[in-house]
Protein backbone atom coordinates (compact mmCIF):
# COMPACT_ATOMS: atom_id res chain seq x y z
CA UNK A 1 0.00 0.00 0.00
CA UNK A 2 1.32 3.43 -0.83
CA UNK A 3 2.20 5.92 1.86
CA UNK A 4 -0.27 8.69 2.64
CA UNK A 5 0.79 12.20 1.67
CA UNK A 6 0.47 15.29 3.81
CA UNK A 7 -1.80 18.01 2.42
CA UNK A 8 0.95 20.58 2.87
CA UNK A 9 1.96 20.54 -0.77
CA UNK A 10 0.41 23.45 -2.57
CA UNK A 11 1.48 22.20 -6.01
CA UNK A 12 0.83 18.63 -7.12
CA UNK A 13 1.57 17.08 -10.49
CA UNK A 14 -1.01 14.53 -11.61
CA UNK A 15 -1.37 12.27 -14.64
CA UNK A 16 -4.12 10.49 -16.53
CA UNK A 17 -4.33 7.81 -13.81
CA UNK A 18 -5.62 10.51 -11.41
CA UNK A 19 -8.59 11.45 -13.61
CA UNK A 20 -11.27 12.41 -12.91
CA UNK A 21 -9.33 14.71 -10.59
CA UNK A 22 -10.75 15.65 -7.23
CA UNK A 23 -9.40 17.35 -4.14
CA UNK A 24 -8.58 16.14 -1.62
CA UNK A 25 -7.05 13.10 -3.28
CA UNK A 26 -7.64 9.69 -1.65
CA UNK A 27 -3.96 9.18 -0.77
CA UNK A 28 -3.77 12.34 1.34
CA UNK A 29 -3.60 12.06 5.13
CA UNK A 30 -6.43 14.56 5.60
CA UNK A 31 -8.53 13.19 2.76
CA UNK A 32 -11.59 14.61 4.53
CA UNK A 33 -10.21 18.11 5.26
CA UNK A 34 -12.87 19.70 3.08
CA UNK A 35 -15.74 18.53 0.85
CA UNK A 36 -14.60 16.62 -2.22
CA UNK A 37 -14.61 18.84 -5.26
CA UNK A 38 -14.02 17.60 -8.79
CA UNK A 39 -11.61 19.77 -10.78
CA UNK A 40 -11.95 20.00 -14.60
CA UNK A 41 -8.21 19.96 -15.21
CA UNK A 42 -8.35 18.69 -18.82
CA UNK A 43 -10.87 21.35 -19.82
CA UNK A 44 -8.78 24.06 -18.09
CA UNK A 45 -5.66 23.57 -20.16
CA UNK A 46 -3.96 21.15 -17.78
CA UNK A 47 -4.11 23.21 -14.60
CA UNK A 48 -6.64 23.46 -11.79
CA UNK A 49 -6.91 25.24 -8.46
CA UNK A 50 -8.88 23.84 -5.54
CA UNK A 51 -11.35 26.50 -4.34
CA UNK A 52 -11.24 25.14 -0.77
CA UNK A 53 -7.56 24.69 0.09
CA UNK A 54 -5.79 26.49 -2.76
CA UNK A 55 -3.80 23.47 -3.91
CA UNK A 56 -2.72 23.91 -7.53
CA UNK A 57 -2.72 20.82 -9.74
CA UNK A 58 -0.81 20.44 -13.01
CA UNK A 59 -1.52 17.65 -15.48
CA UNK A 60 1.60 16.00 -16.86
CA UNK A 61 1.82 13.38 -19.57
CA UNK A 62 -0.63 12.41 -22.24
CA UNK A 63 -4.36 12.02 -21.79
CA UNK A 64 -6.09 9.74 -24.28
CA UNK A 65 -9.61 10.79 -25.17
CA UNK A 66 -12.22 8.13 -25.82
CA UNK A 67 -14.73 8.92 -28.58
PDB file of N, CA and C in Angstrom:
ATOM      1  N   UNK A   1       0.846  -1.186   0.000  1.00  0.00           N
ATOM      2  CA  UNK A   1       0.000   0.000   0.000  1.00  0.00           C
ATOM      3  C   UNK A   1       0.883   1.237   0.000  1.00  0.00           C
ATOM      4  N   UNK A   2       0.506   2.229  -0.749  1.00  0.00           N
ATOM      5  CA  UNK A   2       1.323   3.433  -0.831  1.00  0.00           C
ATOM      6  C   UNK A   2       1.170   4.271   0.436  1.00  0.00           C
ATOM      7  N   UNK A   3       2.182   5.070   0.678  1.00  0.00           N
ATOM      8  CA  UNK A   3       2.198   5.919   1.859  1.00  0.00           C
ATOM      9  C   UNK A   3       1.285   7.123   1.667  1.00  0.00           C
ATOM     10  N   UNK A   4       0.588   7.514   2.725  1.00  0.00           N
ATOM     11  CA  UNK A   4      -0.275   8.687   2.643  1.00  0.00           C
ATOM     12  C   UNK A   4       0.566   9.951   2.581  1.00  0.00           C
ATOM     13  N   UNK A   5       0.074  10.938   1.831  1.00  0.00           N
ATOM     14  CA  UNK A   5       0.792  12.202   1.667  1.00  0.00           C
ATOM     15  C   UNK A   5       0.152  13.279   2.529  1.00  0.00           C
ATOM     16  N   UNK A   6       0.979  14.145   3.075  1.00  0.00           N
ATOM     17  CA  UNK A   6       0.472  15.294   3.811  1.00  0.00           C
ATOM     18  C   UNK A   6      -0.151  16.271   2.830  1.00  0.00           C
ATOM     19  N   UNK A   7      -1.149  17.019   3.269  1.00  0.00           N
ATOM     20  CA  UNK A   7      -1.799  18.007   2.419  1.00  0.00           C
ATOM     21  C   UNK A   7      -1.055  19.339   2.418  1.00  0.00           C
ATOM     22  N   UNK A   8       0.192  19.333   2.803  1.00  0.00           N
ATOM     23  CA  UNK A   8       0.952  20.583   2.873  1.00  0.00           C
ATOM     24  C   UNK A   8       1.435  21.054   1.515  1.00  0.00           C
ATOM     25  N   UNK A   9       1.521  20.154   0.568  1.00  0.00           N
ATOM     26  CA  UNK A   9       1.956  20.540  -0.773  1.00  0.00           C
ATOM     27  C   UNK A   9       0.902  21.445  -1.386  1.00  0.00           C
ATOM     28  N   UNK A  10       1.340  22.528  -1.930  1.00  0.00           N
ATOM     29  CA  UNK A  10       0.407  23.448  -2.569  1.00  0.00           C
ATOM     30  C   UNK A  10       0.477  23.333  -4.084  1.00  0.00           C
ATOM     31  N   UNK A  11       1.362  22.450  -4.584  1.00  0.00           N
ATOM     32  CA  UNK A  11       1.476  22.197  -6.012  1.00  0.00           C
ATOM     33  C   UNK A  11       1.671  20.706  -6.192  1.00  0.00           C
ATOM     34  N   UNK A  12       0.766  20.075  -6.919  1.00  0.00           N
ATOM     35  CA  UNK A  12       0.825  18.635  -7.119  1.00  0.00           C
ATOM     36  C   UNK A  12       0.707  18.329  -8.605  1.00  0.00           C
ATOM     37  N   UNK A  13       1.656  17.533  -9.108  1.00  0.00           N
ATOM     38  CA  UNK A  13       1.574  17.080 -10.494  1.00  0.00           C
ATOM     39  C   UNK A  13       0.765  15.785 -10.512  1.00  0.00           C
ATOM     40  N   UNK A  14      -0.161  15.710 -11.459  1.00  0.00           N
ATOM     41  CA  UNK A  14      -1.009  14.531 -11.615  1.00  0.00           C
ATOM     42  C   UNK A  14      -0.918  14.037 -13.048  1.00  0.00           C
ATOM     43  N   UNK A  15      -1.360  12.803 -13.273  1.00  0.00           N
ATOM     44  CA  UNK A  15      -1.366  12.270 -14.636  1.00  0.00           C
ATOM     45  C   UNK A  15      -2.728  11.666 -14.936  1.00  0.00           C
ATOM     46  N   UNK A  16      -2.840  11.041 -16.083  1.00  0.00           N
ATOM     47  CA  UNK A  16      -4.124  10.493 -16.533  1.00  0.00           C
ATOM     48  C   UNK A  16      -4.698   9.473 -15.555  1.00  0.00           C
ATOM     49  N   UNK A  17      -3.845   8.795 -14.786  1.00  0.00           N
ATOM     50  CA  UNK A  17      -4.332   7.812 -13.813  1.00  0.00           C
ATOM     51  C   UNK A  17      -5.120   8.475 -12.681  1.00  0.00           C
ATOM     52  N   UNK A  18      -4.936   9.779 -12.478  1.00  0.00           N
ATOM     53  CA  UNK A  18      -5.623  10.510 -11.408  1.00  0.00           C
ATOM     54  C   UNK A  18      -6.954  11.108 -11.850  1.00  0.00           C
ATOM     55  N   UNK A  19      -7.347  10.869 -13.096  1.00  0.00           N
ATOM     56  CA  UNK A  19      -8.591  11.452 -13.611  1.00  0.00           C
ATOM     57  C   UNK A  19      -9.762  10.522 -13.365  1.00  0.00           C
ATOM     58  N   UNK A  20     -10.947  10.991 -13.087  1.00  0.00           N
ATOM     59  CA  UNK A  20     -11.266  12.405 -12.912  1.00  0.00           C
ATOM     60  C   UNK A  20     -10.628  12.938 -11.621  1.00  0.00           C
ATOM     61  N   UNK A  21     -10.069  14.110 -11.698  1.00  0.00           N
ATOM     62  CA  UNK A  21      -9.333  14.707 -10.590  1.00  0.00           C
ATOM     63  C   UNK A  21     -10.278  15.299  -9.560  1.00  0.00           C
ATOM     64  N   UNK A  22      -9.994  15.010  -8.304  1.00  0.00           N
ATOM     65  CA  UNK A  22     -10.751  15.649  -7.228  1.00  0.00           C
ATOM     66  C   UNK A  22      -9.811  15.963  -6.081  1.00  0.00           C
ATOM     67  N   UNK A  23     -10.170  16.940  -5.311  1.00  0.00           N
ATOM     68  CA  UNK A  23      -9.404  17.348  -4.143  1.00  0.00           C
ATOM     69  C   UNK A  23     -10.334  17.288  -2.943  1.00  0.00           C
ATOM     70  N   UNK A  24      -9.871  16.770  -1.824  1.00  0.00           N
ATOM     71  CA  UNK A  24      -8.575  16.138  -1.620  1.00  0.00           C
ATOM     72  C   UNK A  24      -8.501  14.781  -2.303  1.00  0.00           C
ATOM     73  N   UNK A  25      -7.269  14.380  -2.615  1.00  0.00           N
ATOM     74  CA  UNK A  25      -7.055  13.099  -3.276  1.00  0.00           C
ATOM     75  C   UNK A  25      -7.096  11.986  -2.230  1.00  0.00           C
ATOM     76  N   UNK A  26      -7.464  10.772  -2.617  1.00  0.00           N
ATOM     77  CA  UNK A  26      -7.643   9.687  -1.646  1.00  0.00           C
ATOM     78  C   UNK A  26      -6.373   9.280  -0.906  1.00  0.00           C
ATOM     79  N   UNK A  27      -5.189   9.583  -1.445  1.00  0.00           N
ATOM     80  CA  UNK A  27      -3.955   9.179  -0.766  1.00  0.00           C
ATOM     81  C   UNK A  27      -3.412  10.262   0.164  1.00  0.00           C
ATOM     82  N   UNK A  28      -4.189  11.283   0.431  1.00  0.00           N
ATOM     83  CA  UNK A  28      -3.769  12.341   1.341  1.00  0.00           C
ATOM     84  C   UNK A  28      -4.164  11.982   2.772  1.00  0.00           C
ATOM     85  N   UNK A  29      -3.330  12.356   3.726  1.00  0.00           N
ATOM     86  CA  UNK A  29      -3.595  12.059   5.132  1.00  0.00           C
ATOM     87  C   UNK A  29      -4.938  12.634   5.547  1.00  0.00           C
ATOM     88  N   UNK A  30      -5.165  13.898   5.242  1.00  0.00           N
ATOM     89  CA  UNK A  30      -6.425  14.556   5.605  1.00  0.00           C
ATOM     90  C   UNK A  30      -7.378  14.534   4.420  1.00  0.00           C
ATOM     91  N   UNK A  31      -7.686  13.329   3.945  1.00  0.00           N
ATOM     92  CA  UNK A  31      -8.533  13.193   2.760  1.00  0.00           C
ATOM     93  C   UNK A  31      -9.912  13.794   2.984  1.00  0.00           C
ATOM     94  N   UNK A  32     -10.281  14.043   4.239  1.00  0.00           N
ATOM     95  CA  UNK A  32     -11.588  14.613   4.526  1.00  0.00           C
ATOM     96  C   UNK A  32     -11.476  16.039   5.076  1.00  0.00           C
ATOM     97  N   UNK A  33     -10.410  16.757   4.731  1.00  0.00           N
ATOM     98  CA  UNK A  33     -10.210  18.108   5.264  1.00  0.00           C
ATOM     99  C   UNK A  33     -11.240  19.103   4.750  1.00  0.00           C
ATOM    100  N   UNK A  34     -11.809  18.851   3.615  1.00  0.00           N
ATOM    101  CA  UNK A  34     -12.872  19.699   3.076  1.00  0.00           C
ATOM    102  C   UNK A  34     -13.729  18.847   2.150  1.00  0.00           C
ATOM    103  N   UNK A  35     -14.895  19.333   1.755  1.00  0.00           N
ATOM    104  CA  UNK A  35     -15.738  18.534   0.851  1.00  0.00           C
ATOM    105  C   UNK A  35     -14.989  18.191  -0.436  1.00  0.00           C
ATOM    106  N   UNK A  36     -15.233  17.016  -0.963  1.00  0.00           N
ATOM    107  CA  UNK A  36     -14.600  16.618  -2.224  1.00  0.00           C
ATOM    108  C   UNK A  36     -15.148  17.493  -3.338  1.00  0.00           C
ATOM    109  N   UNK A  37     -14.240  18.029  -4.122  1.00  0.00           N
ATOM    110  CA  UNK A  37     -14.610  18.845  -5.264  1.00  0.00           C
ATOM    111  C   UNK A  37     -13.877  18.295  -6.484  1.00  0.00           C
ATOM    112  N   UNK A  38     -14.629  18.071  -7.557  1.00  0.00           N
ATOM    113  CA  UNK A  38     -14.016  17.598  -8.794  1.00  0.00           C
ATOM    114  C   UNK A  38     -13.500  18.802  -9.565  1.00  0.00           C
ATOM    115  N   UNK A  39     -12.281  18.665 -10.093  1.00  0.00           N
ATOM    116  CA  UNK A  39     -11.615  19.773 -10.782  1.00  0.00           C
ATOM    117  C   UNK A  39     -11.461  19.440 -12.266  1.00  0.00           C
ATOM    118  N   UNK A  40     -12.015  20.261 -13.156  1.00  0.00           N
ATOM    119  CA  UNK A  40     -11.952  20.000 -14.601  1.00  0.00           C
ATOM    120  C   UNK A  40     -10.590  20.382 -15.184  1.00  0.00           C
ATOM    121  N   UNK A  41      -9.571  19.620 -14.838  1.00  0.00           N
ATOM    122  CA  UNK A  41      -8.207  19.964 -15.215  1.00  0.00           C
ATOM    123  C   UNK A  41      -7.959  19.852 -16.724  1.00  0.00           C
ATOM    124  N   UNK A  42      -8.548  18.859 -17.375  1.00  0.00           N
ATOM    125  CA  UNK A  42      -8.346  18.689 -18.821  1.00  0.00           C
ATOM    126  C   UNK A  42      -8.969  19.861 -19.578  1.00  0.00           C
ATOM    127  N   UNK A  43     -10.164  20.254 -19.164  1.00  0.00           N
ATOM    128  CA  UNK A  43     -10.869  21.355 -19.818  1.00  0.00           C
ATOM    129  C   UNK A  43     -10.232  22.714 -19.521  1.00  0.00           C
ATOM    130  N   UNK A  44      -9.425  22.798 -18.470  1.00  0.00           N
ATOM    131  CA  UNK A  44      -8.783  24.063 -18.088  1.00  0.00           C
ATOM    132  C   UNK A  44      -7.340  24.154 -18.550  1.00  0.00           C
ATOM    133  N   UNK A  45      -6.999  23.458 -19.606  1.00  0.00           N
ATOM    134  CA  UNK A  45      -5.658  23.566 -20.165  1.00  0.00           C
ATOM    135  C   UNK A  45      -4.576  22.885 -19.360  1.00  0.00           C
ATOM    136  N   UNK A  46      -4.951  21.924 -18.508  1.00  0.00           N
ATOM    137  CA  UNK A  46      -3.957  21.148 -17.783  1.00  0.00           C
ATOM    138  C   UNK A  46      -3.612  21.686 -16.409  1.00  0.00           C
ATOM    139  N   UNK A  47      -4.334  22.700 -15.941  1.00  0.00           N
ATOM    140  CA  UNK A  47      -4.108  23.213 -14.596  1.00  0.00           C
ATOM    141  C   UNK A  47      -5.432  23.440 -13.900  1.00  0.00           C
ATOM    142  N   UNK A  48      -5.432  23.245 -12.583  1.00  0.00           N
ATOM    143  CA  UNK A  48      -6.645  23.458 -11.793  1.00  0.00           C
ATOM    144  C   UNK A  48      -6.258  23.918 -10.397  1.00  0.00           C
ATOM    145  N   UNK A  49      -7.122  24.709  -9.806  1.00  0.00           N
ATOM    146  CA  UNK A  49      -6.906  25.240  -8.464  1.00  0.00           C
ATOM    147  C   UNK A  49      -8.090  24.846  -7.593  1.00  0.00           C
ATOM    148  N   UNK A  50      -7.808  24.232  -6.445  1.00  0.00           N
ATOM    149  CA  UNK A  50      -8.877  23.844  -5.537  1.00  0.00           C
ATOM    150  C   UNK A  50      -9.443  25.092  -4.860  1.00  0.00           C
ATOM    151  N   UNK A  51     -10.752  25.307  -4.948  1.00  0.00           N
ATOM    152  CA  UNK A  51     -11.346  26.496  -4.339  1.00  0.00           C
ATOM    153  C   UNK A  51     -11.381  26.448  -2.817  1.00  0.00           C
ATOM    154  N   UNK A  52     -11.201  25.265  -2.225  1.00  0.00           N
ATOM    155  CA  UNK A  52     -11.237  25.138  -0.770  1.00  0.00           C
ATOM    156  C   UNK A  52      -9.874  25.362  -0.130  1.00  0.00           C
ATOM    157  N   UNK A  53      -8.852  24.639  -0.590  1.00  0.00           N
ATOM    158  CA  UNK A  53      -7.556  24.686   0.090  1.00  0.00           C
ATOM    159  C   UNK A  53      -6.475  25.405  -0.704  1.00  0.00           C
ATOM    160  N   UNK A  54      -6.757  25.746  -1.961  1.00  0.00           N
ATOM    161  CA  UNK A  54      -5.793  26.486  -2.759  1.00  0.00           C
ATOM    162  C   UNK A  54      -4.704  25.641  -3.392  1.00  0.00           C
ATOM    163  N   UNK A  55      -4.801  24.330  -3.282  1.00  0.00           N
ATOM    164  CA  UNK A  55      -3.803  23.472  -3.914  1.00  0.00           C
ATOM    165  C   UNK A  55      -3.917  23.607  -5.426  1.00  0.00           C
ATOM    166  N   UNK A  56      -2.772  23.792  -6.072  1.00  0.00           N
ATOM    167  CA  UNK A  56      -2.718  23.909  -7.534  1.00  0.00           C
ATOM    168  C   UNK A  56      -2.276  22.562  -8.102  1.00  0.00           C
ATOM    169  N   UNK A  57      -3.018  22.082  -9.082  1.00  0.00           N
ATOM    170  CA  UNK A  57      -2.719  20.819  -9.740  1.00  0.00           C
ATOM    171  C   UNK A  57      -2.285  21.087 -11.164  1.00  0.00           C
ATOM    172  N   UNK A  58      -1.272  20.331 -11.624  1.00  0.00           N
ATOM    173  CA  UNK A  58      -0.812  20.440 -13.011  1.00  0.00           C
ATOM    174  C   UNK A  58      -0.812  19.039 -13.608  1.00  0.00           C
ATOM    175  N   UNK A  59      -1.430  18.927 -14.774  1.00  0.00           N
ATOM    176  CA  UNK A  59      -1.523  17.655 -15.483  1.00  0.00           C
ATOM    177  C   UNK A  59      -0.259  17.451 -16.307  1.00  0.00           C
ATOM    178  N   UNK A  60       0.404  16.326 -16.098  1.00  0.00           N
ATOM    179  CA  UNK A  60       1.605  15.996 -16.860  1.00  0.00           C
ATOM    180  C   UNK A  60       1.362  14.701 -17.622  1.00  0.00           C
ATOM    181  N   UNK A  61       1.989  14.581 -18.770  1.00  0.00           N
ATOM    182  CA  UNK A  61       1.817  13.380 -19.575  1.00  0.00           C
ATOM    183  C   UNK A  61       0.624  13.492 -20.501  1.00  0.00           C
ATOM    184  N   UNK A  62       0.418  12.430 -21.233  1.00  0.00           N
ATOM    185  CA  UNK A  62      -0.632  12.407 -22.244  1.00  0.00           C
ATOM    186  C   UNK A  62      -1.945  11.884 -21.675  1.00  0.00           C
ATOM    187  N   UNK A  63      -3.032  12.478 -22.156  1.00  0.00           N
ATOM    188  CA  UNK A  63      -4.362  12.017 -21.788  1.00  0.00           C
ATOM    189  C   UNK A  63      -5.042  11.545 -23.068  1.00  0.00           C
ATOM    190  N   UNK A  64      -5.412  10.274 -23.094  1.00  0.00           N
ATOM    191  CA  UNK A  64      -6.092   9.742 -24.275  1.00  0.00           C
ATOM    192  C   UNK A  64      -7.570   9.964 -24.146  1.00  0.00           C
ATOM    193  N   UNK A  65      -8.166  10.520 -25.172  1.00  0.00           N
ATOM    194  CA  UNK A  65      -9.608  10.788 -25.174  1.00  0.00           C
ATOM    195  C   UNK A  65     -10.341   9.636 -25.850  1.00  0.00           C
ATOM    196  N   UNK A  66     -11.404   9.203 -25.239  1.00  0.00           N
ATOM    197  CA  UNK A  66     -12.224   8.130 -25.822  1.00  0.00           C
ATOM    198  C   UNK A  66     -13.392   8.790 -26.557  1.00  0.00           C
ATOM    199  N   UNK A  67     -13.632   8.349 -27.780  1.00  0.00           N
ATOM    200  CA  UNK A  67     -14.729   8.919 -28.581  1.00  0.00           C
ATOM    201  C   UNK A  67     -15.870   7.949 -28.674  1.00  0.00           C
TER     202      UNK A  67
END
